[in-house]
């Protein structure tokens, strides 16, 4: 198969805390009358599999692509039953999300869940937007559990006020919650395991109180994770003279933010690694394999590991996230 930059059709997820801003901000064709909290932009899960939207393989889904060409898409070690390693989303929090935690890898199997490390880039923040991440200094497991049972556990969560452009890394085991009035780009492990600690005493879409998972959460929480900061990486010029900052450098994914100007075309040299580009503002063109993919804000393009060369061209002053999947370490 001749490889090219790939786009996907989003999968919309109704959530009790969701809204409609993915339509007003990004032109997403949301289903009428529903509160959409999540747009799964690139996913390979039983609950939803992305369908290719461009090129010769348009109409096929990502599960088919990984079964047939996993190594060419994501790198060594993939193919067959091995799923795409990341789950890429947009979140629209019209209301606060539950106070929650995801299990770390060392505890996930015993808790019958999947480990989930994630990253949030704040694409849009309304006045008074916030997020919770980590514990207030000195919080003990005993105190946390007591507050959780009393419904006052929010007092133990560390809180950040937000503006557009902020970012937060959320390793598994870190308690967190996204606050109301916030749209984020979320990059995460391919997992959908969440343990709710507190859900603001509200009911779900079915009119019933949503389940809480305090026992599992207590086993998953890193109780020495005190008051983590937002990502504060400085801007600098990279080896090609492009303005960028490093947001995450983790074995699961590496993320950089670029500010690009017309005329600053660069060439992505894959080196056998898969890369995803996410447009924050402006417009970006990816080319390769005889295909051209133009991306607007809120849209994503995947460069397969097997596509060795792909020109990256801003069509206006553009800010983007570059998400690189490092792949498994080899000897």
C-alpha atoms as a PDB file:
ATOM      1  CA  UNK A   1       0.000   0.000   0.000  1.00  0.00           C
ATOM      2  CA  UNK A   2       1.227   3.503  -0.830  1.00  0.00           C
ATOM      3  CA  UNK A   3       1.251   5.549   2.393  1.00  0.00           C
ATOM      4  CA  UNK A   4      -0.017   9.073   2.840  1.00  0.00           C
ATOM      5  CA  UNK A   5      -1.178  11.480   5.632  1.00  0.00           C
ATOM      6  CA  UNK A   6      -4.467  10.135   7.010  1.00  0.00           C
ATOM      7  CA  UNK A   7      -7.495  11.917   8.469  1.00  0.00           C
ATOM      8  CA  UNK A   8     -10.419  10.306  10.273  1.00  0.00           C
ATOM      9  CA  UNK A   9     -14.102  10.982  10.843  1.00  0.00           C
ATOM     10  CA  UNK A  10     -14.808  11.906  14.481  1.00  0.00           C
ATOM     11  CA  UNK A  11     -16.938   9.773  16.795  1.00  0.00           C
ATOM     12  CA  UNK A  12     -19.094  11.880  19.126  1.00  0.00           C
ATOM     13  CA  UNK A  13     -19.816  10.795  22.693  1.00  0.00           C
ATOM     14  CA  UNK A  14     -22.728  12.203  24.665  1.00  0.00           C
ATOM     15  CA  UNK A  15     -21.772  13.139  28.222  1.00  0.00           C
ATOM     16  CA  UNK A  16     -23.781  14.633  31.078  1.00  0.00           C
ATOM     17  CA  UNK A  17     -21.110  17.351  31.431  1.00  0.00           C
ATOM     18  CA  UNK A  18     -20.808  18.067  27.686  1.00  0.00           C
ATOM     19  CA  UNK A  19     -21.895  20.993  25.534  1.00  0.00           C
ATOM     20  CA  UNK A  20     -22.036  22.225  21.930  1.00  0.00           C
ATOM     21  CA  UNK A  21     -18.811  24.199  21.531  1.00  0.00           C
ATOM     22  CA  UNK A  22     -17.121  21.646  19.288  1.00  0.00           C
ATOM     23  CA  UNK A  23     -19.572  22.893  16.663  1.00  0.00           C
ATOM     24  CA  UNK A  24     -19.043  26.630  17.214  1.00  0.00           C
ATOM     25  CA  UNK A  25     -15.252  26.366  17.587  1.00  0.00           C
ATOM     26  CA  UNK A  26     -14.413  23.722  15.001  1.00  0.00           C
ATOM     27  CA  UNK A  27     -17.465  23.232  12.801  1.00  0.00           C
ATOM     28  CA  UNK A  28     -18.061  19.682  13.999  1.00  0.00           C
ATOM     29  CA  UNK A  29     -21.387  18.301  12.745  1.00  0.00           C
ATOM     30  CA  UNK A  30     -22.744  17.354  16.164  1.00  0.00           C
ATOM     31  CA  UNK A  31     -25.941  15.314  16.484  1.00  0.00           C
ATOM     32  CA  UNK A  32     -28.929  17.523  17.192  1.00  0.00           C
ATOM     33  CA  UNK A  33     -30.130  17.996  20.750  1.00  0.00           C
ATOM     34  CA  UNK A  34     -27.276  16.149  22.447  1.00  0.00           C
ATOM     35  CA  UNK A  35     -24.621  17.292  24.915  1.00  0.00           C
ATOM     36  CA  UNK A  36     -21.360  16.178  23.331  1.00  0.00           C
ATOM     37  CA  UNK A  37     -18.524  15.969  25.807  1.00  0.00           C
ATOM     38  CA  UNK A  38     -16.029  13.975  23.759  1.00  0.00           C
ATOM     39  CA  UNK A  39     -15.058  13.747  20.122  1.00  0.00           C
ATOM     40  CA  UNK A  40     -12.929  10.663  19.580  1.00  0.00           C
ATOM     41  CA  UNK A  41     -10.712  11.809  16.743  1.00  0.00           C
ATOM     42  CA  UNK A  42      -8.357   8.826  16.394  1.00  0.00           C
ATOM     43  CA  UNK A  43      -9.404   5.648  18.182  1.00  0.00           C
ATOM     44  CA  UNK A  44      -9.185   1.880  17.907  1.00  0.00           C
ATOM     45  CA  UNK A  45     -11.421   0.526  20.657  1.00  0.00           C
ATOM     46  CA  UNK A  46     -14.402  -1.812  20.961  1.00  0.00           C
ATOM     47  CA  UNK A  47     -16.521   1.226  21.914  1.00  0.00           C
ATOM     48  CA  UNK A  48     -15.600   3.067  18.732  1.00  0.00           C
ATOM     49  CA  UNK A  49     -13.218   2.683  15.812  1.00  0.00           C
ATOM     50  CA  UNK A  50     -12.197   5.606  13.602  1.00  0.00           C
ATOM     51  CA  UNK A  51     -13.051   5.497   9.905  1.00  0.00           C
ATOM     52  CA  UNK A  52     -10.543   6.873   7.396  1.00  0.00           C
ATOM     53  CA  UNK A  53     -11.842  10.015   5.702  1.00  0.00           C
ATOM     54  CA  UNK A  54      -9.357  10.491   2.849  1.00  0.00           C
ATOM     55  CA  UNK A  55      -7.192   8.751   0.287  1.00  0.00           C
ATOM     56  CA  UNK A  56      -7.372   5.306  -1.293  1.00  0.00           C
ATOM     57  CA  UNK A  57      -8.361   3.618   1.994  1.00  0.00           C
ATOM     58  CA  UNK A  58     -11.238   6.029   2.777  1.00  0.00           C
ATOM     59  CA  UNK A  59     -14.167   4.158   4.307  1.00  0.00           C
ATOM     60  CA  UNK A  60     -11.978   1.510   5.931  1.00  0.00           C
ATOM     61  CA  UNK A  61     -11.586   1.675   9.701  1.00  0.00           C
ATOM     62  CA  UNK A  62      -8.509   1.893  11.900  1.00  0.00           C
ATOM     63  CA  UNK A  63      -8.999  -1.669  13.233  1.00  0.00           C
ATOM     64  CA  UNK A  64      -8.737  -3.007   9.679  1.00  0.00           C
ATOM     65  CA  UNK A  65      -5.706  -0.824   9.054  1.00  0.00           C
ATOM     66  CA  UNK A  66      -3.937  -2.047  12.199  1.00  0.00           C
ATOM     67  CA  UNK A  67      -4.741  -5.700  11.467  1.00  0.00           C
ATOM     68  CA  UNK A  68      -3.335  -5.461   7.934  1.00  0.00           C
ATOM     69  CA  UNK A  69      -0.604  -2.845   8.310  1.00  0.00           C
ATOM     70  CA  UNK A  70       0.036  -2.274  12.031  1.00  0.00           C
ATOM     71  CA  UNK A  71       3.825  -2.082  11.662  1.00  0.00           C
ATOM     72  CA  UNK A  72       3.560   0.407   8.796  1.00  0.00           C
ATOM     73  CA  UNK A  73       1.124   2.598  10.770  1.00  0.00           C
ATOM     74  CA  UNK A  74       2.484   2.537  14.333  1.00  0.00           C
ATOM     75  CA  UNK A  75       5.893   0.890  14.075  1.00  0.00           C
ATOM     76  CA  UNK A  76       7.472  -2.404  15.222  1.00  0.00           C
ATOM     77  CA  UNK A  77       5.386  -4.648  17.417  1.00  0.00           C
ATOM     78  CA  UNK A  78       2.007  -3.746  15.965  1.00  0.00           C
ATOM     79  CA  UNK A  79      -0.461  -5.626  13.830  1.00  0.00           C
ATOM     80  CA  UNK A  80      -3.172  -8.246  14.208  1.00  0.00           C
ATOM     81  CA  UNK A  81      -4.789  -8.037  17.642  1.00  0.00           C
ATOM     82  CA  UNK A  82      -2.485  -5.249  18.856  1.00  0.00           C
ATOM     83  CA  UNK A  83      -4.520  -2.057  18.943  1.00  0.00           C
ATOM     84  CA  UNK A  84      -3.455   1.432  17.946  1.00  0.00           C
ATOM     85  CA  UNK A  85      -1.450   2.711  20.955  1.00  0.00           C
ATOM     86  CA  UNK A  86      -3.084   6.122  21.466  1.00  0.00           C
ATOM     87  CA  UNK A  87      -6.554   7.584  21.860  1.00  0.00           C
ATOM     88  CA  UNK A  88      -6.878  11.181  20.617  1.00  0.00           C
ATOM     89  CA  UNK A  89      -9.861  13.281  21.703  1.00  0.00           C
ATOM     90  CA  UNK A  90     -11.383  16.708  21.972  1.00  0.00           C
ATOM     91  CA  UNK A  91     -13.191  17.365  25.271  1.00  0.00           C
ATOM     92  CA  UNK A  92     -15.864  20.018  25.799  1.00  0.00           C
ATOM     93  CA  UNK A  93     -16.555  20.491  29.504  1.00  0.00           C
ATOM     94  CA  UNK A  94     -19.688  22.625  29.811  1.00  0.00           C
ATOM     95  CA  UNK A  95     -19.849  21.430  33.425  1.00  0.00           C
ATOM     96  CA  UNK A  96     -17.200  20.041  35.797  1.00  0.00           C
ATOM     97  CA  UNK A  97     -16.059  16.488  35.170  1.00  0.00           C
ATOM     98  CA  UNK A  98     -16.032  14.033  38.055  1.00  0.00           C
ATOM     99  CA  UNK A  99     -13.070  13.987  40.435  1.00  0.00           C
ATOM    100  CA  UNK A 100     -11.278  10.880  39.201  1.00  0.00           C
ATOM    101  CA  UNK A 101      -8.127   8.840  38.719  1.00  0.00           C
ATOM    102  CA  UNK A 102      -6.842   6.317  36.166  1.00  0.00           C
ATOM    103  CA  UNK A 103      -4.910   3.219  37.257  1.00  0.00           C
ATOM    104  CA  UNK A 104      -1.129   3.023  36.842  1.00  0.00           C
ATOM    105  CA  UNK A 105       0.315   0.087  34.924  1.00  0.00           C
ATOM    106  CA  UNK A 106       1.534  -1.742  38.034  1.00  0.00           C
ATOM    107  CA  UNK A 107      -2.001  -1.774  39.525  1.00  0.00           C
ATOM    108  CA  UNK A 108      -4.246  -1.898  36.445  1.00  0.00           C
ATOM    109  CA  UNK A 109      -4.414  -5.673  36.010  1.00  0.00           C
ATOM    110  CA  UNK A 110      -5.313  -6.307  39.650  1.00  0.00           C
ATOM    111  CA  UNK A 111      -8.023  -3.639  39.395  1.00  0.00           C
ATOM    112  CA  UNK A 112      -9.331  -5.161  36.145  1.00  0.00           C
ATOM    113  CA  UNK A 113      -8.679  -1.958  34.246  1.00  0.00           C
ATOM    114  CA  UNK A 114      -6.252  -0.424  31.754  1.00  0.00           C
ATOM    115  CA  UNK A 115      -3.504   2.020  32.656  1.00  0.00           C
ATOM    116  CA  UNK A 116      -4.129   5.503  31.357  1.00  0.00           C
ATOM    117  CA  UNK A 117      -1.637   8.348  31.192  1.00  0.00           C
ATOM    118  CA  UNK A 118      -2.893  11.454  29.416  1.00  0.00           C
ATOM    119  CA  UNK A 119      -2.114  15.034  28.445  1.00  0.00           C
ATOM    120  CA  UNK A 120      -4.421  18.044  28.174  1.00  0.00           C
ATOM    121  CA  UNK A 121      -3.813  21.082  26.008  1.00  0.00           C
ATOM    122  CA  UNK A 122      -6.290  23.864  26.802  1.00  0.00           C
ATOM    123  CA  UNK A 123      -7.596  25.006  23.416  1.00  0.00           C
ATOM    124  CA  UNK A 124     -10.274  27.315  24.826  1.00  0.00           C
ATOM    125  CA  UNK A 125     -10.904  28.508  28.380  1.00  0.00           C
ATOM    126  CA  UNK A 126     -13.847  30.630  29.449  1.00  0.00           C
ATOM    127  CA  UNK A 127     -13.514  33.089  32.380  1.00  0.00           C
ATOM    128  CA  UNK A 128     -13.100  31.237  35.687  1.00  0.00           C
ATOM    129  CA  UNK A 129     -12.131  27.971  33.933  1.00  0.00           C
ATOM    130  CA  UNK A 130     -10.022  25.648  36.049  1.00  0.00           C
ATOM    131  CA  UNK A 131      -8.727  22.140  36.421  1.00  0.00           C
ATOM    132  CA  UNK A 132      -7.889  19.986  39.409  1.00  0.00           C
ATOM    133  CA  UNK A 133      -4.700  17.901  39.365  1.00  0.00           C
ATOM    134  CA  UNK A 134      -2.838  16.176  42.163  1.00  0.00           C
ATOM    135  CA  UNK A 135      -3.379  16.459  45.894  1.00  0.00           C
ATOM    136  CA  UNK A 136      -2.988  19.410  48.204  1.00  0.00           C
ATOM    137  CA  UNK A 137       0.247  19.058  50.126  1.00  0.00           C
ATOM    138  CA  UNK A 138      -0.045  16.924  53.229  1.00  0.00           C
ATOM    139  CA  UNK A 139      -3.234  15.082  52.234  1.00  0.00           C
ATOM    140  CA  UNK A 140      -3.181  11.557  53.688  1.00  0.00           C
ATOM    141  CA  UNK A 141      -5.003   8.476  52.388  1.00  0.00           C
ATOM    142  CA  UNK A 142      -7.067   8.327  55.577  1.00  0.00           C
ATOM    143  CA  UNK A 143      -8.158  11.947  55.289  1.00  0.00           C
ATOM    144  CA  UNK A 144      -8.851  11.575  51.560  1.00  0.00           C
ATOM    145  CA  UNK A 145     -11.052   8.515  52.045  1.00  0.00           C
ATOM    146  CA  UNK A 146     -12.985  10.188  54.854  1.00  0.00           C
ATOM    147  CA  UNK A 147     -13.637  13.282  52.714  1.00  0.00           C
ATOM    148  CA  UNK A 148     -14.652  11.110  49.763  1.00  0.00           C
ATOM    149  CA  UNK A 149     -17.274   9.369  51.877  1.00  0.00           C
ATOM    150  CA  UNK A 150     -18.495  12.718  53.253  1.00  0.00           C
ATOM    151  CA  UNK A 151     -18.674  14.364  49.818  1.00  0.00           C
ATOM    152  CA  UNK A 152     -16.018  16.999  50.643  1.00  0.00           C
ATOM    153  CA  UNK A 153     -13.041  15.435  48.832  1.00  0.00           C
ATOM    154  CA  UNK A 154     -12.714  18.373  46.400  1.00  0.00           C
ATOM    155  CA  UNK A 155     -10.994  20.141  49.307  1.00  0.00           C
ATOM    156  CA  UNK A 156      -8.034  17.763  48.882  1.00  0.00           C
ATOM    157  CA  UNK A 157      -7.578  18.356  45.138  1.00  0.00           C
ATOM    158  CA  UNK A 158      -5.008  20.907  43.944  1.00  0.00           C
ATOM    159  CA  UNK A 159      -6.673  23.512  41.725  1.00  0.00           C
ATOM    160  CA  UNK A 160      -5.307  25.596  38.804  1.00  0.00           C
ATOM    161  CA  UNK A 161      -6.990  28.545  37.115  1.00  0.00           C
ATOM    162  CA  UNK A 162      -6.749  28.211  33.332  1.00  0.00           C
ATOM    163  CA  UNK A 163      -6.271  30.312  30.241  1.00  0.00           C
ATOM    164  CA  UNK A 164      -6.145  29.166  26.621  1.00  0.00           C
ATOM    165  CA  UNK A 165      -2.742  27.686  25.839  1.00  0.00           C
ATOM    166  CA  UNK A 166      -2.181  26.080  29.235  1.00  0.00           C
ATOM    167  CA  UNK A 167      -1.207  22.414  29.372  1.00  0.00           C
ATOM    168  CA  UNK A 168      -1.115  19.651  31.982  1.00  0.00           C
ATOM    169  CA  UNK A 169       0.522  16.222  31.972  1.00  0.00           C
ATOM    170  CA  UNK A 170      -1.525  13.606  33.840  1.00  0.00           C
ATOM    171  CA  UNK A 171       0.422  10.419  34.541  1.00  0.00           C
ATOM    172  CA  UNK A 172      -1.703   7.495  35.645  1.00  0.00           C
ATOM    173  CA  UNK A 173      -2.309   7.584  39.385  1.00  0.00           C
ATOM    174  CA  UNK A 174      -2.718  11.391  39.477  1.00  0.00           C
ATOM    175  CA  UNK A 175      -6.139  12.545  40.703  1.00  0.00           C
ATOM    176  CA  UNK A 176      -7.686  15.137  38.408  1.00  0.00           C
ATOM    177  CA  UNK A 177     -10.802  16.753  36.992  1.00  0.00           C
ATOM    178  CA  UNK A 178     -11.449  19.182  34.154  1.00  0.00           C
ATOM    179  CA  UNK A 179     -13.461  22.221  35.178  1.00  0.00           C
ATOM    180  CA  UNK A 180     -16.440  23.811  33.449  1.00  0.00           C
ATOM    181  CA  UNK A 181     -15.939  26.182  30.521  1.00  0.00           C
ATOM    182  CA  UNK A 182     -12.966  24.368  29.042  1.00  0.00           C
ATOM    183  CA  UNK A 183     -12.201  22.719  25.689  1.00  0.00           C
ATOM    184  CA  UNK A 184      -9.064  20.598  25.588  1.00  0.00           C
ATOM    185  CA  UNK A 185      -7.103  18.444  23.188  1.00  0.00           C
ATOM    186  CA  UNK A 186      -6.494  15.144  24.973  1.00  0.00           C
ATOM    187  CA  UNK A 187      -3.738  12.698  24.074  1.00  0.00           C
ATOM    188  CA  UNK A 188      -3.763   9.468  26.056  1.00  0.00           C
ATOM    189  CA  UNK A 189      -2.960   5.808  26.183  1.00  0.00           C
ATOM    190  CA  UNK A 190      -5.516   3.670  24.413  1.00  0.00           C
ATOM    191  CA  UNK A 191      -7.637   3.126  27.521  1.00  0.00           C
ATOM    192  CA  UNK A 192     -11.061   4.049  28.814  1.00  0.00           C
ATOM    193  CA  UNK A 193     -10.691   3.088  32.495  1.00  0.00           C
ATOM    194  CA  UNK A 194     -11.768   5.812  34.921  1.00  0.00           C
ATOM    195  CA  UNK A 195     -12.387   5.512  38.653  1.00  0.00           C
ATOM    196  CA  UNK A 196     -14.705   8.246  39.927  1.00  0.00           C
ATOM    197  CA  UNK A 197     -14.092   9.530  43.442  1.00  0.00           C
ATOM    198  CA  UNK A 198     -16.833  12.176  43.512  1.00  0.00           C
ATOM    199  CA  UNK A 199     -19.336  13.377  40.913  1.00  0.00           C
ATOM    200  CA  UNK A 200     -20.853  16.491  42.474  1.00  0.00           C
ATOM    201  CA  UNK A 201     -24.006  14.572  43.551  1.00  0.00           C
ATOM    202  CA  UNK A 202     -25.474  14.660  40.040  1.00  0.00           C
ATOM    203  CA  UNK A 203     -27.314  12.046  38.022  1.00  0.00           C
ATOM    204  CA  UNK A 204     -26.312  10.576  34.678  1.00  0.00           C
ATOM    205  CA  UNK A 205     -28.068  10.666  31.323  1.00  0.00           C
ATOM    206  CA  UNK A 206     -30.304   7.837  32.557  1.00  0.00           C
ATOM    207  CA  UNK A 207     -31.507   9.927  35.511  1.00  0.00           C
ATOM    208  CA  UNK A 208     -29.709   7.726  38.063  1.00  0.00           C
ATOM    209  CA  UNK A 209     -26.701   8.629  40.253  1.00  0.00           C
ATOM    210  CA  UNK A 210     -23.479   7.735  38.474  1.00  0.00           C
ATOM    211  CA  UNK A 211     -21.367   4.957  39.945  1.00  0.00           C
ATOM    212  CA  UNK A 212     -18.403   5.836  42.141  1.00  0.00           C
ATOM    213  CA  UNK A 213     -15.327   3.631  42.465  1.00  0.00           C
ATOM    214  CA  UNK A 214     -13.700   4.628  45.762  1.00  0.00           C
ATOM    215  CA  UNK A 215     -12.139   1.250  46.538  1.00  0.00           C
ATOM    216  CA  UNK A 216     -10.432   1.039  43.147  1.00  0.00           C
ATOM    217  CA  UNK A 217      -9.451   4.708  43.286  1.00  0.00           C
ATOM    218  CA  UNK A 218      -7.763   4.315  46.664  1.00  0.00           C
ATOM    219  CA  UNK A 219      -5.638   1.504  45.205  1.00  0.00           C
ATOM    220  CA  UNK A 220      -4.775   3.555  42.098  1.00  0.00           C
ATOM    221  CA  UNK A 221      -3.987   7.007  43.545  1.00  0.00           C
ATOM    222  CA  UNK A 222      -0.382   8.137  43.956  1.00  0.00           C
ATOM    223  CA  UNK A 223      -0.716   9.694  47.415  1.00  0.00           C
ATOM    224  CA  UNK A 224       2.604  11.543  47.298  1.00  0.00           C
ATOM    225  CA  UNK A 225       1.696  13.430  44.123  1.00  0.00           C
ATOM    226  CA  UNK A 226       1.364  16.904  45.611  1.00  0.00           C
ATOM    227  CA  UNK A 227       0.446  20.107  43.764  1.00  0.00           C
ATOM    228  CA  UNK A 228       1.827  19.437  40.253  1.00  0.00           C
ATOM    229  CA  UNK A 229       2.363  22.503  38.091  1.00  0.00           C
ATOM    230  CA  UNK A 230       1.087  23.267  34.632  1.00  0.00           C
ATOM    231  CA  UNK A 231       3.575  22.673  31.823  1.00  0.00           C
ATOM    232  CA  UNK A 232       5.913  25.680  31.791  1.00  0.00           C
ATOM    233  CA  UNK A 233       8.300  24.783  28.963  1.00  0.00           C
ATOM    234  CA  UNK A 234      10.091  27.747  27.322  1.00  0.00           C
ATOM    235  CA  UNK A 235       9.861  28.557  23.630  1.00  0.00           C
ATOM    236  CA  UNK A 236      13.033  28.076  21.589  1.00  0.00           C
ATOM    237  CA  UNK A 237      14.201  27.490  18.033  1.00  0.00           C
ATOM    238  CA  UNK A 238      14.696  23.877  17.007  1.00  0.00           C
ATOM    239  CA  UNK A 239      17.459  22.579  14.737  1.00  0.00           C
ATOM    240  CA  UNK A 240      15.506  23.781  11.681  1.00  0.00           C
ATOM    241  CA  UNK A 241      14.919  27.306  13.017  1.00  0.00           C
ATOM    242  CA  UNK A 242      11.257  26.642  13.890  1.00  0.00           C
ATOM    243  CA  UNK A 243       9.821  28.105  17.093  1.00  0.00           C
ATOM    244  CA  UNK A 244       8.708  25.322  19.405  1.00  0.00           C
ATOM    245  CA  UNK A 245       8.413  24.169  23.007  1.00  0.00           C
ATOM    246  CA  UNK A 246       8.540  20.694  24.492  1.00  0.00           C
ATOM    247  CA  UNK A 247       5.349  19.802  26.348  1.00  0.00           C
ATOM    248  CA  UNK A 248       5.792  16.097  27.125  1.00  0.00           C
ATOM    249  CA  UNK A 249       8.718  13.718  26.784  1.00  0.00           C
ATOM    250  CA  UNK A 250       7.434  10.381  28.030  1.00  0.00           C
ATOM    251  CA  UNK A 251       7.948   6.778  26.858  1.00  0.00           C
ATOM    252  CA  UNK A 252       4.249   6.727  25.857  1.00  0.00           C
ATOM    253  CA  UNK A 253       4.240   9.873  23.713  1.00  0.00           C
ATOM    254  CA  UNK A 254       6.275  12.997  22.997  1.00  0.00           C
ATOM    255  CA  UNK A 255       4.505  16.266  22.316  1.00  0.00           C
ATOM    256  CA  UNK A 256       5.851  19.553  20.986  1.00  0.00           C
ATOM    257  CA  UNK A 257       4.030  22.772  20.158  1.00  0.00           C
ATOM    258  CA  UNK A 258       5.102  24.748  17.082  1.00  0.00           C
ATOM    259  CA  UNK A 259       4.422  28.286  15.893  1.00  0.00           C
ATOM    260  CA  UNK A 260       4.729  28.248  12.125  1.00  0.00           C
ATOM    261  CA  UNK A 261       4.616  31.057   9.590  1.00  0.00           C
ATOM    262  CA  UNK A 262       3.886  30.924   5.863  1.00  0.00           C
ATOM    263  CA  UNK A 263       7.060  30.094   4.005  1.00  0.00           C
ATOM    264  CA  UNK A 264       8.470  28.000   6.854  1.00  0.00           C
ATOM    265  CA  UNK A 265       7.812  24.657   5.151  1.00  0.00           C
ATOM    266  CA  UNK A 266       9.670  21.780   6.751  1.00  0.00           C
ATOM    267  CA  UNK A 267       9.922  18.131   5.798  1.00  0.00           C
ATOM    268  CA  UNK A 268       8.888  15.476   8.283  1.00  0.00           C
ATOM    269  CA  UNK A 269      11.364  12.612   8.138  1.00  0.00           C
ATOM    270  CA  UNK A 270       9.596   9.720   9.788  1.00  0.00           C
ATOM    271  CA  UNK A 271      12.513   7.546  10.805  1.00  0.00           C
ATOM    272  CA  UNK A 272      10.059   4.700  11.340  1.00  0.00           C
ATOM    273  CA  UNK A 273       8.010   6.591  13.947  1.00  0.00           C
ATOM    274  CA  UNK A 274       4.349   7.530  13.742  1.00  0.00           C
ATOM    275  CA  UNK A 275       3.415  11.197  14.170  1.00  0.00           C
ATOM    276  CA  UNK A 276       0.079  12.985  14.646  1.00  0.00           C
ATOM    277  CA  UNK A 277      -0.422  16.682  13.921  1.00  0.00           C
ATOM    278  CA  UNK A 278      -3.155  18.667  15.669  1.00  0.00           C
ATOM    279  CA  UNK A 279      -3.995  22.219  14.565  1.00  0.00           C
ATOM    280  CA  UNK A 280      -4.677  24.753  17.322  1.00  0.00           C
ATOM    281  CA  UNK A 281      -5.026  27.795  15.065  1.00  0.00           C
ATOM    282  CA  UNK A 282      -4.363  28.613  11.409  1.00  0.00           C
ATOM    283  CA  UNK A 283      -4.157  25.940   8.705  1.00  0.00           C
ATOM    284  CA  UNK A 284      -1.634  23.199   7.981  1.00  0.00           C
ATOM    285  CA  UNK A 285      -0.952  21.152   4.849  1.00  0.00           C
ATOM    286  CA  UNK A 286       0.548  17.666   4.972  1.00  0.00           C
ATOM    287  CA  UNK A 287       1.648  16.011   1.718  1.00  0.00           C
ATOM    288  CA  UNK A 288       2.878  12.570   0.795  1.00  0.00           C
ATOM    289  CA  UNK A 289       2.131   9.473  -1.247  1.00  0.00           C
ATOM    290  CA  UNK A 290       0.346  11.540  -3.881  1.00  0.00           C
ATOM    291  CA  UNK A 291      -2.172  12.899  -1.324  1.00  0.00           C
ATOM    292  CA  UNK A 292      -2.588  16.376   0.151  1.00  0.00           C
ATOM    293  CA  UNK A 293      -4.283  16.833   3.526  1.00  0.00           C
ATOM    294  CA  UNK A 294      -5.288  20.317   4.707  1.00  0.00           C
ATOM    295  CA  UNK A 295      -6.042  20.632   8.413  1.00  0.00           C
ATOM    296  CA  UNK A 296      -8.072  23.351  10.170  1.00  0.00           C
ATOM    297  CA  UNK A 297      -8.286  23.950  13.943  1.00  0.00           C
ATOM    298  CA  UNK A 298      -9.702  21.003  15.838  1.00  0.00           C
ATOM    299  CA  UNK A 299      -8.617  18.520  13.176  1.00  0.00           C
ATOM    300  CA  UNK A 300      -5.893  15.880  13.157  1.00  0.00           C
ATOM    301  CA  UNK A 301      -3.609  14.215  10.640  1.00  0.00           C
ATOM    302  CA  UNK A 302      -1.696  10.978  11.130  1.00  0.00           C
ATOM    303  CA  UNK A 303       1.616  10.393   9.383  1.00  0.00           C
ATOM    304  CA  UNK A 304       2.198   6.595   9.281  1.00  0.00           C
ATOM    305  CA  UNK A 305       5.538   5.255  10.457  1.00  0.00           C
ATOM    306  CA  UNK A 306       6.162   3.896   6.945  1.00  0.00           C
ATOM    307  CA  UNK A 307       5.821   7.334   5.300  1.00  0.00           C
ATOM    308  CA  UNK A 308       9.425   8.446   5.410  1.00  0.00           C
ATOM    309  CA  UNK A 309       9.007  11.930   3.941  1.00  0.00           C
ATOM    310  CA  UNK A 310       6.107  14.342   4.377  1.00  0.00           C
ATOM    311  CA  UNK A 311       6.296  18.101   3.702  1.00  0.00           C
ATOM    312  CA  UNK A 312       4.622  20.124   6.479  1.00  0.00           C
ATOM    313  CA  UNK A 313       3.439  23.515   5.215  1.00  0.00           C
ATOM    314  CA  UNK A 314       1.576  26.224   7.163  1.00  0.00           C
ATOM    315  CA  UNK A 315      -0.981  27.976   4.951  1.00  0.00           C
ATOM    316  CA  UNK A 316      -1.254  30.862   7.445  1.00  0.00           C
ATOM    317  CA  UNK A 317       0.299  31.737  10.775  1.00  0.00           C
ATOM    318  CA  UNK A 318      -0.355  28.429  12.509  1.00  0.00           C
ATOM    319  CA  UNK A 319       0.025  26.814  15.923  1.00  0.00           C
ATOM    320  CA  UNK A 320       0.130  23.035  16.045  1.00  0.00           C
ATOM    321  CA  UNK A 321       0.837  20.136  18.331  1.00  0.00           C
ATOM    322  CA  UNK A 322       3.156  17.422  17.055  1.00  0.00           C
ATOM    323  CA  UNK A 323       2.504  14.107  18.815  1.00  0.00           C
ATOM    324  CA  UNK A 324       5.162  11.480  18.238  1.00  0.00           C
ATOM    325  CA  UNK A 325       4.769   7.871  19.256  1.00  0.00           C
ATOM    326  CA  UNK A 326       8.288   6.700  20.216  1.00  0.00           C
ATOM    327  CA  UNK A 327       7.433   3.023  19.880  1.00  0.00           C
ATOM    328  CA  UNK A 328       8.654   0.209  22.087  1.00  0.00           C
ATOM    329  CA  UNK A 329      12.292   0.255  23.125  1.00  0.00           C
ATOM    330  CA  UNK A 330      14.457  -2.249  21.295  1.00  0.00           C
ATOM    331  CA  UNK A 331      17.893  -3.613  22.115  1.00  0.00           C
END
